[in-house]
C-alpha atoms as a PDB file:
ATOM      1  CA  MET A   1     102.276   3.933 117.549  1.00  0.00           C
ATOM      2  CA  GLU A   2     104.653   5.978 115.408  1.00  0.00           C
ATOM      3  CA  LYS A   3     104.939   9.716 116.030  1.00  0.00           C
ATOM      4  CA  HIS A   4     105.217  12.175 113.184  1.00  0.00           C
ATOM      5  CA  ASN A   5     106.592  15.667 113.649  1.00  0.00           C
ATOM      6  CA  GLN A   6     104.349  17.858 111.608  1.00  0.00           C
ATOM      7  CA  ASN A   7     106.116  20.574 109.681  1.00  0.00           C
ATOM      8  CA  LYS A   8     104.785  23.531 107.707  1.00  0.00           C
ATOM      9  CA  GLU A   9     104.441  21.465 104.530  1.00  0.00           C
ATOM     10  CA  CYS A  10     102.291  18.878 106.325  1.00  0.00           C
ATOM     11  CA  LYS A  11     100.017  21.609 107.635  1.00  0.00           C
ATOM     12  CA  ASN A  12      99.718  23.082 104.144  1.00  0.00           C
ATOM     13  CA  ILE A  13      98.696  19.711 102.763  1.00  0.00           C
ATOM     14  CA  ILE A  14      96.026  19.274 105.423  1.00  0.00           C
ATOM     15  CA  GLU A  15      94.736  22.771 104.677  1.00  0.00           C
ATOM     16  CA  GLN A  16      94.646  22.117 100.938  1.00  0.00           C
ATOM     17  CA  LEU A  17      92.901  18.783 101.413  1.00  0.00           C
ATOM     18  CA  CYS A  18      90.283  20.364 103.624  1.00  0.00           C
ATOM     19  CA  GLU A  19      89.802  23.267 101.225  1.00  0.00           C
ATOM     20  CA  GLU A  20      89.264  20.834  98.354  1.00  0.00           C
ATOM     21  CA  LEU A  21      86.619  19.083 100.430  1.00  0.00           C
ATOM     22  CA  ASN A  22      85.045  22.414 101.416  1.00  0.00           C
ATOM     23  CA  GLU A  23      85.897  21.802 105.047  1.00  0.00           C
ATOM     24  CA  SER A  24      87.294  24.164 107.651  1.00  0.00           C
ATOM     25  CA  VAL A  25      90.776  23.188 108.793  1.00  0.00           C
ATOM     26  CA  ASN A  26      89.344  23.042 112.308  1.00  0.00           C
ATOM     27  CA  SER A  27      86.379  20.886 111.333  1.00  0.00           C
ATOM     28  CA  PRO A  28      86.031  17.469 112.973  1.00  0.00           C
ATOM     29  CA  PHE A  29      86.761  15.797 109.643  1.00  0.00           C
ATOM     30  CA  CYS A  30      90.022  17.671 109.052  1.00  0.00           C
ATOM     31  CA  THR A  31      91.078  17.247 112.643  1.00  0.00           C
ATOM     32  CA  GLU A  32      90.553  13.511 112.312  1.00  0.00           C
ATOM     33  CA  VAL A  33      92.501  13.379 109.023  1.00  0.00           C
ATOM     34  CA  GLN A  34      95.356  15.261 110.646  1.00  0.00           C
ATOM     35  CA  ARG A  35      95.336  12.977 113.686  1.00  0.00           C
ATOM     36  CA  HIS A  36      95.303   9.904 111.477  1.00  0.00           C
ATOM     37  CA  LEU A  37      98.209  11.133 109.365  1.00  0.00           C
ATOM     38  CA  GLU A  38     100.212  11.822 112.498  1.00  0.00           C
ATOM     39  CA  GLN A  39      99.807   8.189 113.534  1.00  0.00           C
ATOM     40  CA  CYS A  40      99.737   6.244 110.278  1.00  0.00           C
ATOM     41  CA  SER A  41     102.961   5.927 108.338  1.00  0.00           C
ATOM     42  CA  GLN A  42     101.246   4.092 105.468  1.00  0.00           C
ATOM     43  CA  CYS A  43      98.868   6.981 104.869  1.00  0.00           C
ATOM     44  CA  ARG A  44     101.710   9.472 105.101  1.00  0.00           C
ATOM     45  CA  VAL A  45     103.580   7.499 102.447  1.00  0.00           C
ATOM     46  CA  PHE A  46     100.448   7.496 100.298  1.00  0.00           C
ATOM     47  CA  VAL A  47      99.962  11.258 100.724  1.00  0.00           C
ATOM     48  CA  ASP A  48     103.645  11.795  99.937  1.00  0.00           C
ATOM     49  CA  SER A  49     103.311   9.765  96.744  1.00  0.00           C
ATOM     50  CA  ILE A  50     100.314  11.838  95.697  1.00  0.00           C
ATOM     51  CA  ARG A  51     102.215  15.026  96.458  1.00  0.00           C
ATOM     52  CA  THR A  52     105.155  13.816  94.344  1.00  0.00           C
ATOM     53  CA  THR A  53     102.855  12.837  91.481  1.00  0.00           C
ATOM     54  CA  VAL A  54     101.145  16.230  91.525  1.00  0.00           C
ATOM     55  CA  PHE A  55     104.512  17.972  91.590  1.00  0.00           C
ATOM     56  CA  PHE A  56     105.737  16.074  88.543  1.00  0.00           C
ATOM     57  CA  CYS A  57     102.472  16.585  86.677  1.00  0.00           C
ATOM     58  CA  LYS A  58     102.603  20.323  87.302  1.00  0.00           C
ATOM     59  CA  ASN A  59     106.202  20.458  86.118  1.00  0.00           C
ATOM     60  CA  LEU A  60     105.953  18.363  82.987  1.00  0.00           C
ATOM     61  CA  VAL A  61     107.584  19.775  79.928  1.00  0.00           C
ATOM     62  CA  ASP A  62     105.253  19.839  76.981  1.00  0.00           C
ATOM     63  CA  GLU A  63     107.167  18.150  74.192  1.00  0.00           C
ATOM     64  CA  ASP A  64     105.993  16.856  70.875  1.00  0.00           C
ATOM     65  CA  VAL A  65     106.087  13.101  70.593  1.00  0.00           C
ATOM     66  CA  PRO A  66     107.111  11.729  67.218  1.00  0.00           C
ATOM     67  CA  ARG A  67     104.038  10.602  65.285  1.00  0.00           C
ATOM     68  CA  SER A  68     105.243   7.007  64.975  1.00  0.00           C
ATOM     69  CA  ILE A  69     105.619   6.677  68.754  1.00  0.00           C
ATOM     70  CA  ASP A  70     102.296   8.403  69.369  1.00  0.00           C
ATOM     71  CA  ASP A  71     100.494   6.060  66.971  1.00  0.00           C
ATOM     72  CA  HIS A  72     102.218   3.042  68.500  1.00  0.00           C
ATOM     73  CA  LEU A  73     101.215   4.012  72.063  1.00  0.00           C
ATOM     74  CA  TRP A  74      97.565   4.457  71.096  1.00  0.00           C
ATOM     75  CA  LYS A  75      97.621   1.054  69.448  1.00  0.00           C
ATOM     76  CA  ILE A  76      99.273  -0.679  72.432  1.00  0.00           C
ATOM     77  CA  LEU A  77      96.831   0.928  74.859  1.00  0.00           C
ATOM     78  CA  LYS A  78      93.958  -0.134  72.609  1.00  0.00           C
ATOM     79  CA  LEU A  79      92.473   3.342  72.740  1.00  0.00           C
ATOM     80  CA  LYS A  80      90.934   5.414  70.015  1.00  0.00           C
ATOM     81  CA  LYS A  81      93.151   8.318  69.152  1.00  0.00           C
ATOM     82  CA  PRO A  82      91.340  11.660  69.454  1.00  0.00           C
ATOM     83  CA  GLU A  83      91.004  13.562  66.237  1.00  0.00           C
END
């Protein structure tokens, strides 16, 4: 079983997860999530990927896309373009 040294960032993530689920950080559910993450490298990788995705989404620069590219993407994705 792999050991994971939990740092402040890990604890913050557990707290945020529990808050989102309306759980106390000391609840059995959150304690179990924390224990699992300490032991499961695959889940830690998954949580890290989510954290990275959220970071990039929060830090996206809002840029205008040229109309031709925008139209092309909607067509490729076979989605109806919002009006």
